[in-house]
Amino acid sequence: MNTLPLADEIHLHGLDLPVQIGVPEEERAAWQTLQADVILSVATRFEELGDEIDRTIDYSAVANRLRALAAERPRRLIETLATEMTACLLAEFGALRVSVTLRKRILPGCDHVAVHLIRP
């Protein structure tokens, strides 16, 4: 049974994030691009927005903030970056709930590896 209140959502799919990430130092030394899927549950229903951007979450601002966050410093784990991304979105954008899937193309013979977080 789902006990969460219904909320409208904003989705960003396939957001490119330039990063320095990886366990080996030589991998972290080179820039690579991860892809993120982000779902933001918003506090105000879409029909109540009055067509005003300041009453919703600006998805362009979200994309720019996540790219800046990803590029801030090298990290070893995609799990670390995904955790930082969800914390940022909850704290800075007022989302009720955040879902982040972060994909990395790294293993031969594998399309990608991914981590997925949902935070209320």
PDB file of N, CA and C in Angstrom:
ATOM      1  N   MET A   1       0.839  -1.186   0.000  1.00  0.00           N
ATOM      2  CA  MET A   1       0.000   0.000   0.000  1.00  0.00           C
ATOM      3  C   MET A   1       0.882   1.248   0.000  1.00  0.00           C
ATOM      4  N   ASN A   2       0.591   2.165  -0.872  1.00  0.00           N
ATOM      5  CA  ASN A   2       1.370   3.400  -0.993  1.00  0.00           C
ATOM      6  C   ASN A   2       0.796   4.443  -0.045  1.00  0.00           C
ATOM      7  N   THR A   3       1.610   4.915   0.901  1.00  0.00           N
ATOM      8  CA  THR A   3       1.151   5.911   1.858  1.00  0.00           C
ATOM      9  C   THR A   3       1.639   7.313   1.529  1.00  0.00           C
ATOM     10  N   LEU A   4       2.413   7.455   0.448  1.00  0.00           N
ATOM     11  CA  LEU A   4       2.888   8.777   0.059  1.00  0.00           C
ATOM     12  C   LEU A   4       1.757   9.569  -0.594  1.00  0.00           C
ATOM     13  N   PRO A   5       1.680  10.869  -0.309  1.00  0.00           N
ATOM     14  CA  PRO A   5       0.665  11.683  -0.991  1.00  0.00           C
ATOM     15  C   PRO A   5       0.974  11.762  -2.481  1.00  0.00           C
ATOM     16  N   LEU A   6      -0.052  11.870  -3.267  1.00  0.00           N
ATOM     17  CA  LEU A   6       0.156  12.022  -4.700  1.00  0.00           C
ATOM     18  C   LEU A   6       0.819  13.366  -4.973  1.00  0.00           C
ATOM     19  N   ALA A   7       1.782  13.365  -5.873  1.00  0.00           N
ATOM     20  CA  ALA A   7       2.487  14.601  -6.225  1.00  0.00           C
ATOM     21  C   ALA A   7       2.787  14.583  -7.709  1.00  0.00           C
ATOM     22  N   ASP A   8       2.733  15.743  -8.316  1.00  0.00           N
ATOM     23  CA  ASP A   8       3.143  15.861  -9.705  1.00  0.00           C
ATOM     24  C   ASP A   8       4.662  15.808  -9.759  1.00  0.00           C
ATOM     25  N   GLU A   9       5.187  15.395 -10.915  1.00  0.00           N
ATOM     26  CA  GLU A   9       6.618  15.150 -11.023  1.00  0.00           C
ATOM     27  C   GLU A   9       7.222  15.852 -12.235  1.00  0.00           C
ATOM     28  N   ILE A  10       8.489  16.206 -12.084  1.00  0.00           N
ATOM     29  CA  ILE A  10       9.316  16.711 -13.177  1.00  0.00           C
ATOM     30  C   ILE A  10      10.402  15.673 -13.410  1.00  0.00           C
ATOM     31  N   HIS A  11      10.582  15.258 -14.668  1.00  0.00           N
ATOM     32  CA  HIS A  11      11.571  14.239 -15.018  1.00  0.00           C
ATOM     33  C   HIS A  11      12.650  14.846 -15.908  1.00  0.00           C
ATOM     34  N   LEU A  12      13.889  14.530 -15.605  1.00  0.00           N
ATOM     35  CA  LEU A  12      15.017  14.827 -16.492  1.00  0.00           C
ATOM     36  C   LEU A  12      15.645  13.484 -16.823  1.00  0.00           C
ATOM     37  N   HIS A  13      15.673  13.122 -18.093  1.00  0.00           N
ATOM     38  CA  HIS A  13      16.207  11.823 -18.503  1.00  0.00           C
ATOM     39  C   HIS A  13      17.455  12.003 -19.363  1.00  0.00           C
ATOM     40  N   GLY A  14      18.474  11.223 -19.041  1.00  0.00           N
ATOM     41  CA  GLY A  14      19.700  11.244 -19.831  1.00  0.00           C
ATOM     42  C   GLY A  14      20.502  12.522 -19.690  1.00  0.00           C
ATOM     43  N   LEU A  15      20.476  13.118 -18.497  1.00  0.00           N
ATOM     44  CA  LEU A  15      21.242  14.346 -18.247  1.00  0.00           C
ATOM     45  C   LEU A  15      22.729  14.020 -18.212  1.00  0.00           C
ATOM     46  N   ASP A  16      23.499  14.608 -19.111  1.00  0.00           N
ATOM     47  CA  ASP A  16      24.949  14.401 -19.157  1.00  0.00           C
ATOM     48  C   ASP A  16      25.623  15.172 -18.030  1.00  0.00           C
ATOM     49  N   LEU A  17      26.506  14.464 -17.305  1.00  0.00           N
ATOM     50  CA  LEU A  17      27.243  15.064 -16.198  1.00  0.00           C
ATOM     51  C   LEU A  17      28.737  14.828 -16.390  1.00  0.00           C
ATOM     52  N   PRO A  18      29.504  15.841 -16.783  1.00  0.00           N
ATOM     53  CA  PRO A  18      30.955  15.689 -16.873  1.00  0.00           C
ATOM     54  C   PRO A  18      31.547  15.538 -15.466  1.00  0.00           C
ATOM     55  N   VAL A  19      32.356  14.494 -15.282  1.00  0.00           N
ATOM     56  CA  VAL A  19      32.897  14.185 -13.951  1.00  0.00           C
ATOM     57  C   VAL A  19      34.301  13.612 -14.053  1.00  0.00           C
ATOM     58  N   GLN A  20      34.974  13.640 -12.923  1.00  0.00           N
ATOM     59  CA  GLN A  20      36.201  12.876 -12.720  1.00  0.00           C
ATOM     60  C   GLN A  20      35.854  11.867 -11.640  1.00  0.00           C
ATOM     61  N   ILE A  21      35.736  10.598 -12.034  1.00  0.00           N
ATOM     62  CA  ILE A  21      35.233   9.592 -11.107  1.00  0.00           C
ATOM     63  C   ILE A  21      35.856   8.244 -11.413  1.00  0.00           C
ATOM     64  N   GLY A  22      36.088   7.466 -10.377  1.00  0.00           N
ATOM     65  CA  GLY A  22      36.611   6.122 -10.544  1.00  0.00           C
ATOM     66  C   GLY A  22      37.516   5.740  -9.391  1.00  0.00           C
ATOM     67  N   VAL A  23      37.615   4.458  -9.142  1.00  0.00           N
ATOM     68  CA  VAL A  23      38.444   3.983  -8.039  1.00  0.00           C
ATOM     69  C   VAL A  23      39.933   4.152  -8.351  1.00  0.00           C
ATOM     70  N   PRO A  24      40.419   3.716  -9.521  1.00  0.00           N
ATOM     71  CA  PRO A  24      41.845   3.931  -9.807  1.00  0.00           C
ATOM     72  C   PRO A  24      42.130   5.421 -10.050  1.00  0.00           C
ATOM     73  N   GLU A  25      43.247   5.867  -9.553  1.00  0.00           N
ATOM     74  CA  GLU A  25      43.637   7.275  -9.715  1.00  0.00           C
ATOM     75  C   GLU A  25      43.703   7.685 -11.185  1.00  0.00           C
ATOM     76  N   GLU A  26      44.217   6.788 -12.036  1.00  0.00           N
ATOM     77  CA  GLU A  26      44.326   7.127 -13.458  1.00  0.00           C
ATOM     78  C   GLU A  26      42.946   7.307 -14.106  1.00  0.00           C
ATOM     79  N   GLU A  27      41.929   6.614 -13.619  1.00  0.00           N
ATOM     80  CA  GLU A  27      40.573   6.818 -14.152  1.00  0.00           C
ATOM     81  C   GLU A  27      40.030   8.169 -13.709  1.00  0.00           C
ATOM     82  N   ARG A  28      40.260   8.530 -12.454  1.00  0.00           N
ATOM     83  CA  ARG A  28      39.788   9.822 -11.941  1.00  0.00           C
ATOM     84  C   ARG A  28      40.500  10.991 -12.609  1.00  0.00           C
ATOM     85  N   ALA A  29      41.687  10.786 -13.129  1.00  0.00           N
ATOM     86  CA  ALA A  29      42.458  11.866 -13.749  1.00  0.00           C
ATOM     87  C   ALA A  29      41.822  12.352 -15.050  1.00  0.00           C
ATOM     88  N   ALA A  30      41.056  11.508 -15.701  1.00  0.00           N
ATOM     89  CA  ALA A  30      40.430  11.864 -16.982  1.00  0.00           C
ATOM     90  C   ALA A  30      38.954  12.206 -16.779  1.00  0.00           C
ATOM     91  N   TRP A  31      38.488  13.187 -17.525  1.00  0.00           N
ATOM     92  CA  TRP A  31      37.071  13.528 -17.481  1.00  0.00           C
ATOM     93  C   TRP A  31      36.279  12.482 -18.261  1.00  0.00           C
ATOM     94  N   GLN A  32      35.125  12.142 -17.749  1.00  0.00           N
ATOM     95  CA  GLN A  32      34.198  11.254 -18.444  1.00  0.00           C
ATOM     96  C   GLN A  32      32.787  11.788 -18.228  1.00  0.00           C
ATOM     97  N   THR A  33      31.832  11.235 -18.941  1.00  0.00           N
ATOM     98  CA  THR A  33      30.453  11.702 -18.826  1.00  0.00           C
ATOM     99  C   THR A  33      29.574  10.591 -18.283  1.00  0.00           C
ATOM    100  N   LEU A  34      28.908  10.882 -17.167  1.00  0.00           N
ATOM    101  CA  LEU A  34      27.883   9.998 -16.629  1.00  0.00           C
ATOM    102  C   LEU A  34      26.536  10.500 -17.117  1.00  0.00           C
ATOM    103  N   GLN A  35      25.539   9.644 -17.054  1.00  0.00           N
ATOM    104  CA  GLN A  35      24.175  10.068 -17.385  1.00  0.00           C
ATOM    105  C   GLN A  35      23.280   9.861 -16.181  1.00  0.00           C
ATOM    106  N   ALA A  36      22.403  10.828 -15.953  1.00  0.00           N
ATOM    107  CA  ALA A  36      21.487  10.770 -14.818  1.00  0.00           C
ATOM    108  C   ALA A  36      20.047  10.875 -15.287  1.00  0.00           C
ATOM    109  N   ASP A  37      19.197  10.143 -14.598  1.00  0.00           N
ATOM    110  CA  ASP A  37      17.749  10.320 -14.698  1.00  0.00           C
ATOM    111  C   ASP A  37      17.301  10.823 -13.337  1.00  0.00           C
ATOM    112  N   VAL A  38      16.567  11.920 -13.336  1.00  0.00           N
ATOM    113  CA  VAL A  38      16.157  12.563 -12.094  1.00  0.00           C
ATOM    114  C   VAL A  38      14.643  12.749 -12.121  1.00  0.00           C
ATOM    115  N   ILE A  39      13.998  12.384 -11.025  1.00  0.00           N
ATOM    116  CA  ILE A  39      12.560  12.627 -10.861  1.00  0.00           C
ATOM    117  C   ILE A  39      12.370  13.460  -9.605  1.00  0.00           C
ATOM    118  N   LEU A  40      11.705  14.588  -9.761  1.00  0.00           N
ATOM    119  CA  LEU A  40      11.435  15.507  -8.656  1.00  0.00           C
ATOM    120  C   LEU A  40       9.932  15.565  -8.418  1.00  0.00           C
ATOM    121  N   SER A  41       9.494  15.198  -7.237  1.00  0.00           N
ATOM    122  CA  SER A  41       8.087  15.364  -6.869  1.00  0.00           C
ATOM    123  C   SER A  41       7.925  16.774  -6.323  1.00  0.00           C
ATOM    124  N   VAL A  42       6.976  17.514  -6.889  1.00  0.00           N
ATOM    125  CA  VAL A  42       6.816  18.934  -6.547  1.00  0.00           C
ATOM    126  C   VAL A  42       5.685  19.142  -5.548  1.00  0.00           C
ATOM    127  N   ALA A  43       5.801  20.206  -4.760  1.00  0.00           N
ATOM    128  CA  ALA A  43       4.833  20.499  -3.702  1.00  0.00           C
ATOM    129  C   ALA A  43       3.528  21.065  -4.251  1.00  0.00           C
ATOM    130  N   THR A  44       3.604  21.784  -5.352  1.00  0.00           N
ATOM    131  CA  THR A  44       2.414  22.430  -5.914  1.00  0.00           C
ATOM    132  C   THR A  44       1.951  21.674  -7.142  1.00  0.00           C
ATOM    133  N   ARG A  45       0.687  21.305  -7.156  1.00  0.00           N
ATOM    134  CA  ARG A  45       0.138  20.621  -8.327  1.00  0.00           C
ATOM    135  C   ARG A  45       0.233  21.539  -9.544  1.00  0.00           C
ATOM    136  N   PHE A  46       0.460  20.940 -10.697  1.00  0.00           N
ATOM    137  CA  PHE A  46       0.679  21.727 -11.907  1.00  0.00           C
ATOM    138  C   PHE A  46      -0.481  22.668 -12.227  1.00  0.00           C
ATOM    139  N   GLU A  47      -1.696  22.239 -11.973  1.00  0.00           N
ATOM    140  CA  GLU A  47      -2.841  23.103 -12.291  1.00  0.00           C
ATOM    141  C   GLU A  47      -2.900  24.335 -11.388  1.00  0.00           C
ATOM    142  N   GLU A  48      -2.131  24.357 -10.313  1.00  0.00           N
ATOM    143  CA  GLU A  48      -2.110  25.486  -9.389  1.00  0.00           C
ATOM    144  C   GLU A  48      -0.954  26.450  -9.649  1.00  0.00           C
ATOM    145  N   LEU A  49      -0.147  26.196 -10.664  1.00  0.00           N
ATOM    146  CA  LEU A  49       1.044  27.006 -10.926  1.00  0.00           C
ATOM    147  C   LEU A  49       0.742  28.367 -11.542  1.00  0.00           C
ATOM    148  N   GLY A  50      -0.397  28.519 -12.186  1.00  0.00           N
ATOM    149  CA  GLY A  50      -0.725  29.787 -12.823  1.00  0.00           C
ATOM    150  C   GLY A  50       0.249  30.159 -13.923  1.00  0.00           C
ATOM    151  N   ASP A  51       0.886  29.152 -14.525  1.00  0.00           N
ATOM    152  CA  ASP A  51       1.837  29.362 -15.605  1.00  0.00           C
ATOM    153  C   ASP A  51       3.028  30.227 -15.178  1.00  0.00           C
ATOM    154  N   GLU A  52       3.397  30.166 -13.896  1.00  0.00           N
ATOM    155  CA  GLU A  52       4.485  30.964 -13.330  1.00  0.00           C
ATOM    156  C   GLU A  52       5.654  30.063 -12.955  1.00  0.00           C
ATOM    157  N   ILE A  53       6.829  30.313 -13.543  1.00  0.00           N
ATOM    158  CA  ILE A  53       8.022  29.494 -13.312  1.00  0.00           C
ATOM    159  C   ILE A  53       8.456  29.515 -11.851  1.00  0.00           C
ATOM    160  N   ASP A  54       8.248  30.632 -11.149  1.00  0.00           N
ATOM    161  CA  ASP A  54       8.699  30.719  -9.761  1.00  0.00           C
ATOM    162  C   ASP A  54       7.835  29.912  -8.792  1.00  0.00           C
ATOM    163  N   ARG A  55       6.785  29.282  -9.288  1.00  0.00           N
ATOM    164  CA  ARG A  55       5.920  28.447  -8.446  1.00  0.00           C
ATOM    165  C   ARG A  55       6.209  26.963  -8.619  1.00  0.00           C
ATOM    166  N   THR A  56       7.225  26.651  -9.423  1.00  0.00           N
ATOM    167  CA  THR A  56       7.586  25.262  -9.668  1.00  0.00           C
ATOM    168  C   THR A  56       9.105  25.115  -9.533  1.00  0.00           C
ATOM    169  N   ILE A  57       9.603  23.940  -9.856  1.00  0.00           N
ATOM    170  CA  ILE A  57      11.045  23.714  -9.859  1.00  0.00           C
ATOM    171  C   ILE A  57      11.552  23.937 -11.279  1.00  0.00           C
ATOM    172  N   ASP A  58      12.493  24.839 -11.423  1.00  0.00           N
ATOM    173  CA  ASP A  58      13.062  25.193 -12.724  1.00  0.00           C
ATOM    174  C   ASP A  58      14.024  24.078 -13.158  1.00  0.00           C
ATOM    175  N   TYR A  59      13.614  23.272 -14.128  1.00  0.00           N
ATOM    176  CA  TYR A  59      14.438  22.124 -14.512  1.00  0.00           C
ATOM    177  C   TYR A  59      15.752  22.534 -15.160  1.00  0.00           C
ATOM    178  N   SER A  60      15.815  23.707 -15.769  1.00  0.00           N
ATOM    179  CA  SER A  60      17.085  24.200 -16.308  1.00  0.00           C
ATOM    180  C   SER A  60      18.059  24.504 -15.164  1.00  0.00           C
ATOM    181  N   ALA A  61      17.556  25.119 -14.098  1.00  0.00           N
ATOM    182  CA  ALA A  61      18.387  25.399 -12.927  1.00  0.00           C
ATOM    183  C   ALA A  61      18.855  24.097 -12.278  1.00  0.00           C
ATOM    184  N   VAL A  62      17.984  23.093 -12.241  1.00  0.00           N
ATOM    185  CA  VAL A  62      18.362  21.788 -11.697  1.00  0.00           C
ATOM    186  C   VAL A  62      19.502  21.189 -12.513  1.00  0.00           C
ATOM    187  N   ALA A  63      19.365  21.189 -13.831  1.00  0.00           N
ATOM    188  CA  ALA A  63      20.403  20.618 -14.696  1.00  0.00           C
ATOM    189  C   ALA A  63      21.737  21.336 -14.500  1.00  0.00           C
ATOM    190  N   ASN A  64      21.710  22.660 -14.471  1.00  0.00           N
ATOM    191  CA  ASN A  64      22.940  23.437 -14.281  1.00  0.00           C
ATOM    192  C   ASN A  64      23.567  23.162 -12.919  1.00  0.00           C
ATOM    193  N   ARG A  65      22.758  23.061 -11.888  1.00  0.00           N
ATOM    194  CA  ARG A  65      23.282  22.814 -10.535  1.00  0.00           C
ATOM    195  C   ARG A  65      23.906  21.423 -10.435  1.00  0.00           C
ATOM    196  N   LEU A  66      23.248  20.423 -11.026  1.00  0.00           N
ATOM    197  CA  LEU A  66      23.786  19.067 -10.961  1.00  0.00           C
ATOM    198  C   LEU A  66      25.078  18.944 -11.754  1.00  0.00           C
ATOM    199  N   ARG A  67      25.171  19.624 -12.893  1.00  0.00           N
ATOM    200  CA  ARG A  67      26.430  19.606 -13.650  1.00  0.00           C
ATOM    201  C   ARG A  67      27.557  20.262 -12.842  1.00  0.00           C
ATOM    202  N   ALA A  68      27.249  21.372 -12.189  1.00  0.00           N
ATOM    203  CA  ALA A  68      28.257  22.053 -11.367  1.00  0.00           C
ATOM    204  C   ALA A  68      28.674  21.173 -10.189  1.00  0.00           C
ATOM    205  N   LEU A  69      27.713  20.542  -9.547  1.00  0.00           N
ATOM    206  CA  LEU A  69      28.013  19.654  -8.422  1.00  0.00           C
ATOM    207  C   LEU A  69      28.906  18.500  -8.860  1.00  0.00           C
ATOM    208  N   ALA A  70      28.576  17.886  -9.974  1.00  0.00           N
ATOM    209  CA  ALA A  70      29.356  16.744 -10.464  1.00  0.00           C
ATOM    210  C   ALA A  70      30.794  17.146 -10.787  1.00  0.00           C
ATOM    211  N   ALA A  71      30.984  18.356 -11.275  1.00  0.00           N
ATOM    212  CA  ALA A  71      32.311  18.812 -11.693  1.00  0.00           C
ATOM    213  C   ALA A  71      33.136  19.417 -10.551  1.00  0.00           C
ATOM    214  N   GLU A  72      32.539  19.584  -9.371  1.00  0.00           N
ATOM    215  CA  GLU A  72      33.219  20.257  -8.256  1.00  0.00           C
ATOM    216  C   GLU A  72      34.528  19.609  -7.844  1.00  0.00           C
ATOM    217  N   ARG A  73      34.553  18.279  -7.812  1.00  0.00           N
ATOM    218  CA  ARG A  73      35.739  17.584  -7.306  1.00  0.00           C
ATOM    219  C   ARG A  73      35.734  16.137  -7.788  1.00  0.00           C
ATOM    220  N   PRO A  74      36.881  15.512  -7.833  1.00  0.00           N
ATOM    221  CA  PRO A  74      36.929  14.087  -8.172  1.00  0.00           C
ATOM    222  C   PRO A  74      36.313  13.236  -7.059  1.00  0.00           C
ATOM    223  N   ARG A  75      35.712  12.112  -7.462  1.00  0.00           N
ATOM    224  CA  ARG A  75      35.141  11.150  -6.522  1.00  0.00           C
ATOM    225  C   ARG A  75      35.524   9.754  -6.971  1.00  0.00           C
ATOM    226  N   ARG A  76      35.529   8.833  -6.041  1.00  0.00           N
ATOM    227  CA  ARG A  76      35.822   7.443  -6.359  1.00  0.00           C
ATOM    228  C   ARG A  76      34.560   6.683  -6.776  1.00  0.00           C
ATOM    229  N   LEU A  77      33.431   6.935  -6.124  1.00  0.00           N
ATOM    230  CA  LEU A  77      32.231   6.119  -6.306  1.00  0.00           C
ATOM    231  C   LEU A  77      31.060   6.896  -6.891  1.00  0.00           C
ATOM    232  N   ILE A  78      30.335   6.267  -7.807  1.00  0.00           N
ATOM    233  CA  ILE A  78      29.104   6.893  -8.309  1.00  0.00           C
ATOM    234  C   ILE A  78      28.056   6.936  -7.198  1.00  0.00           C
ATOM    235  N   GLU A  79      28.149   6.046  -6.238  1.00  0.00           N
ATOM    236  CA  GLU A  79      27.234   6.064  -5.097  1.00  0.00           C
ATOM    237  C   GLU A  79      27.366   7.373  -4.312  1.00  0.00           C
ATOM    238  N   THR A  80      28.592   7.853  -4.175  1.00  0.00           N
ATOM    239  CA  THR A  80      28.851   9.115  -3.471  1.00  0.00           C
ATOM    240  C   THR A  80      28.198  10.276  -4.207  1.00  0.00           C
ATOM    241  N   LEU A  81      28.404  10.344  -5.507  1.00  0.00           N
ATOM    242  CA  LEU A  81      27.817  11.435  -6.290  1.00  0.00           C
ATOM    243  C   LEU A  81      26.295  11.373  -6.264  1.00  0.00           C
ATOM    244  N   ALA A  82      25.705  10.206  -6.407  1.00  0.00           N
ATOM    245  CA  ALA A  82      24.244  10.075  -6.374  1.00  0.00           C
ATOM    246  C   ALA A  82      23.677  10.558  -5.039  1.00  0.00           C
ATOM    247  N   THR A  83      24.355  10.221  -3.954  1.00  0.00           N
ATOM    248  CA  THR A  83      23.920  10.666  -2.627  1.00  0.00           C
ATOM    249  C   THR A  83      23.995  12.187  -2.514  1.00  0.00           C
ATOM    250  N   GLU A  84      25.074  12.772  -3.010  1.00  0.00           N
ATOM    251  CA  GLU A  84      25.226  14.234  -2.981  1.00  0.00           C
ATOM    252  C   GLU A  84      24.163  14.911  -3.842  1.00  0.00           C
ATOM    253  N   MET A  85      23.846  14.310  -4.970  1.00  0.00           N
ATOM    254  CA  MET A  85      22.834  14.879  -5.862  1.00  0.00           C
ATOM    255  C   MET A  85      21.467  14.907  -5.189  1.00  0.00           C
ATOM    256  N   THR A  86      21.068  13.808  -4.564  1.00  0.00           N
ATOM    257  CA  THR A  86      19.748  13.781  -3.923  1.00  0.00           C
ATOM    258  C   THR A  86      19.684  14.786  -2.777  1.00  0.00           C
ATOM    259  N   ALA A  87      20.745  14.881  -1.981  1.00  0.00           N
ATOM    260  CA  ALA A  87      20.765  15.842  -0.873  1.00  0.00           C
ATOM    261  C   ALA A  87      20.645  17.272  -1.392  1.00  0.00           C
ATOM    262  N   CYS A  88      21.353  17.581  -2.459  1.00  0.00           N
ATOM    263  CA  CYS A  88      21.301  18.911  -3.071  1.00  0.00           C
ATOM    264  C   CYS A  88      19.889  19.244  -3.553  1.00  0.00           C
ATOM    265  N   LEU A  89      19.274  18.320  -4.253  1.00  0.00           N
ATOM    266  CA  LEU A  89      17.943  18.571  -4.808  1.00  0.00           C
ATOM    267  C   LEU A  89      16.903  18.782  -3.721  1.00  0.00           C
ATOM    268  N   LEU A  90      16.986  18.016  -2.655  1.00  0.00           N
ATOM    269  CA  LEU A  90      16.040  18.182  -1.546  1.00  0.00           C
ATOM    270  C   LEU A  90      16.272  19.511  -0.824  1.00  0.00           C
ATOM    271  N   ALA A  91      17.512  19.860  -0.589  1.00  0.00           N
ATOM    272  CA  ALA A  91      17.833  21.063   0.184  1.00  0.00           C
ATOM    273  C   ALA A  91      17.647  22.354  -0.608  1.00  0.00           C
ATOM    274  N   GLU A  92      18.026  22.336  -1.885  1.00  0.00           N
ATOM    275  CA  GLU A  92      18.068  23.587  -2.647  1.00  0.00           C
ATOM    276  C   GLU A  92      16.854  23.845  -3.534  1.00  0.00           C
ATOM    277  N   PHE A  93      16.080  22.809  -3.848  1.00  0.00           N
ATOM    278  CA  PHE A  93      14.991  22.999  -4.803  1.00  0.00           C
ATOM    279  C   PHE A  93      13.611  22.706  -4.221  1.00  0.00           C
ATOM    280  N   GLY A  94      13.553  22.319  -2.975  1.00  0.00           N
ATOM    281  CA  GLY A  94      12.259  22.139  -2.317  1.00  0.00           C
ATOM    282  C   GLY A  94      11.430  20.982  -2.832  1.00  0.00           C
ATOM    283  N   ALA A  95      12.072  20.000  -3.411  1.00  0.00           N
ATOM    284  CA  ALA A  95      11.320  18.830  -3.876  1.00  0.00           C
ATOM    285  C   ALA A  95      10.810  18.045  -2.678  1.00  0.00           C
ATOM    286  N   LEU A  96       9.630  17.441  -2.821  1.00  0.00           N
ATOM    287  CA  LEU A  96       9.085  16.603  -1.764  1.00  0.00           C
ATOM    288  C   LEU A  96       9.792  15.253  -1.707  1.00  0.00           C
ATOM    289  N   ARG A  97      10.173  14.793  -2.880  1.00  0.00           N
ATOM    290  CA  ARG A  97      10.813  13.484  -3.009  1.00  0.00           C
ATOM    291  C   ARG A  97      11.693  13.539  -4.247  1.00  0.00           C
ATOM    292  N   VAL A  98      12.821  12.833  -4.192  1.00  0.00           N
ATOM    293  CA  VAL A  98      13.765  12.826  -5.308  1.00  0.00           C
ATOM    294  C   VAL A  98      14.154  11.392  -5.623  1.00  0.00           C
ATOM    295  N   SER A  99      14.199  11.089  -6.910  1.00  0.00           N
ATOM    296  CA  SER A  99      14.717   9.813  -7.391  1.00  0.00           C
ATOM    297  C   SER A  99      15.856  10.125  -8.347  1.00  0.00           C
ATOM    298  N   VAL A 100      17.002   9.473  -8.129  1.00  0.00           N
ATOM    299  CA  VAL A 100      18.162   9.679  -8.992  1.00  0.00           C
ATOM    300  C   VAL A 100      18.689   8.322  -9.436  1.00  0.00           C
ATOM    301  N   THR A 101      18.829   8.152 -10.739  1.00  0.00           N
ATOM    302  CA  THR A 101      19.538   7.008 -11.304  1.00  0.00           C
ATOM    303  C   THR A 101      20.764   7.565 -12.005  1.00  0.00           C
ATOM    304  N   LEU A 102      21.923   7.018 -11.666  1.00  0.00           N
ATOM    305  CA  LEU A 102      23.186   7.496 -12.228  1.00  0.00           C
ATOM    306  C   LEU A 102      23.854   6.340 -12.955  1.00  0.00           C
ATOM    307  N   ARG A 103      24.159   6.553 -14.258  1.00  0.00           N
ATOM    308  CA  ARG A 103      24.732   5.506 -15.105  1.00  0.00           C
ATOM    309  C   ARG A 103      26.153   5.842 -15.519  1.00  0.00           C
ATOM    310  N   LYS A 104      26.980   4.784 -15.539  1.00  0.00           N
ATOM    311  CA  LYS A 104      28.376   4.930 -15.942  1.00  0.00           C
ATOM    312  C   LYS A 104      28.703   3.806 -16.919  1.00  0.00           C
ATOM    313  N   ARG A 105      29.273   4.186 -18.051  1.00  0.00           N
ATOM    314  CA  ARG A 105      29.719   3.193 -19.035  1.00  0.00           C
ATOM    315  C   ARG A 105      31.182   2.889 -18.749  1.00  0.00           C
ATOM    316  N   ILE A 106      31.433   1.703 -18.183  1.00  0.00           N
ATOM    317  CA  ILE A 106      32.797   1.408 -17.765  1.00  0.00           C
ATOM    318  C   ILE A 106      33.205  -0.045 -18.014  1.00  0.00           C
ATOM    319  N   LEU A 107      32.278  -0.975 -17.912  1.00  0.00           N
ATOM    320  CA  LEU A 107      32.637  -2.390 -18.019  1.00  0.00           C
ATOM    321  C   LEU A 107      32.542  -2.878 -19.460  1.00  0.00           C
ATOM    322  N   PRO A 108      33.580  -3.517 -19.957  1.00  0.00           N
ATOM    323  CA  PRO A 108      33.503  -4.115 -21.294  1.00  0.00           C
ATOM    324  C   PRO A 108      32.370  -5.152 -21.342  1.00  0.00           C
ATOM    325  N   GLY A 109      31.639  -5.148 -22.435  1.00  0.00           N
ATOM    326  CA  GLY A 109      30.551  -6.102 -22.601  1.00  0.00           C
ATOM    327  C   GLY A 109      29.320  -5.795 -21.770  1.00  0.00           C
ATOM    328  N   CYS A 110      29.224  -4.567 -21.254  1.00  0.00           N
ATOM    329  CA  CYS A 110      28.084  -4.158 -20.420  1.00  0.00           C
ATOM    330  C   CYS A 110      27.685  -2.746 -20.838  1.00  0.00           C
ATOM    331  N   ASP A 111      26.414  -2.543 -21.123  1.00  0.00           N
ATOM    332  CA  ASP A 111      25.962  -1.222 -21.550  1.00  0.00           C
ATOM    333  C   ASP A 111      26.324  -0.151 -20.521  1.00  0.00           C
ATOM    334  N   HIS A 112      26.005  -0.401 -19.261  1.00  0.00           N
ATOM    335  CA  HIS A 112      26.346   0.541 -18.186  1.00  0.00           C
ATOM    336  C   HIS A 112      26.134  -0.116 -16.828  1.00  0.00           C
ATOM    337  N   VAL A 113      26.734   0.468 -15.825  1.00  0.00           N
ATOM    338  CA  VAL A 113      26.410   0.148 -14.437  1.00  0.00           C
ATOM    339  C   VAL A 113      25.630   1.335 -13.905  1.00  0.00           C
ATOM    340  N   ALA A 114      24.802   1.106 -12.905  1.00  0.00           N
ATOM    341  CA  ALA A 114      23.968   2.192 -12.409  1.00  0.00           C
ATOM    342  C   ALA A 114      23.712   2.029 -10.916  1.00  0.00           C
ATOM    343  N   VAL A 115      23.459   3.162 -10.284  1.00  0.00           N
ATOM    344  CA  VAL A 115      22.944   3.190  -8.914  1.00  0.00           C
ATOM    345  C   VAL A 115      21.644   3.963  -8.949  1.00  0.00           C
ATOM    346  N   HIS A 116      20.762   3.656  -8.005  1.00  0.00           N
ATOM    347  CA  HIS A 116      19.457   4.301  -7.959  1.00  0.00           C
ATOM    348  C   HIS A 116      19.120   4.626  -6.514  1.00  0.00           C
ATOM    349  N   LEU A 117      18.757   5.875  -6.260  1.00  0.00           N
ATOM    350  CA  LEU A 117      18.370   6.335  -4.924  1.00  0.00           C
ATOM    351  C   LEU A 117      17.015   6.994  -4.967  1.00  0.00           C
ATOM    352  N   ILE A 118      16.220   6.781  -3.939  1.00  0.00           N
ATOM    353  CA  ILE A 118      14.973   7.521  -3.727  1.00  0.00           C
ATOM    354  C   ILE A 118      15.023   8.053  -2.306  1.00  0.00           C
ATOM    355  N   ARG A 119      14.807   9.348  -2.176  1.00  0.00           N
ATOM    356  CA  ARG A 119      14.810   9.970  -0.859  1.00  0.00           C
ATOM    357  C   ARG A 119      13.572  10.833  -0.699  1.00  0.00           C
ATOM    358  N   PRO A 120      12.946  10.716   0.478  1.00  0.00           N
ATOM    359  CA  PRO A 120      11.766  11.567   0.752  1.00  0.00           C
ATOM    360  C   PRO A 120      12.189  12.963   1.160  1.00  0.00           C
TER     361      PRO A 120
END
